Amino acid sequence: MWIILGVIAIVATFINIYMYKAGKDYKLAMAMGLSFTAIALCAEYSLVSVWVEVEDWAALMDVVPGMERVLWFLTIVSILLNIAPILLERKGKK
């Protein structure tokens, strides 16, 4: 589930950037991109929670260390890409 939500977040982020470049209102797409990023992180956390409940330590040891770095990186990239139009808009007004 978290993969589907992550893909939706990526698509919403690209729609955000496209709408900004097209000169249209991009704020809803920005909110959707950030919201789906947060929901994808919650879904991943829920998956890890299930693994802890069933004591699947092998899955935790295999997946969590690598996914931690990936999730941090993708979350930071998502935030930067989604707020880039606002920053560019402010820079253009100065």
Foldseek 3Di string as FASTA:
>chain_A
DLVVLLVQLVVLLVVLVVCLVVVHDNVVSLVSNLVSLVVSVVVVVVVVVVCVVVVVVVCCVPPVVVVVVVSVVSNVVSNCSSCVSVVVVVVVVD
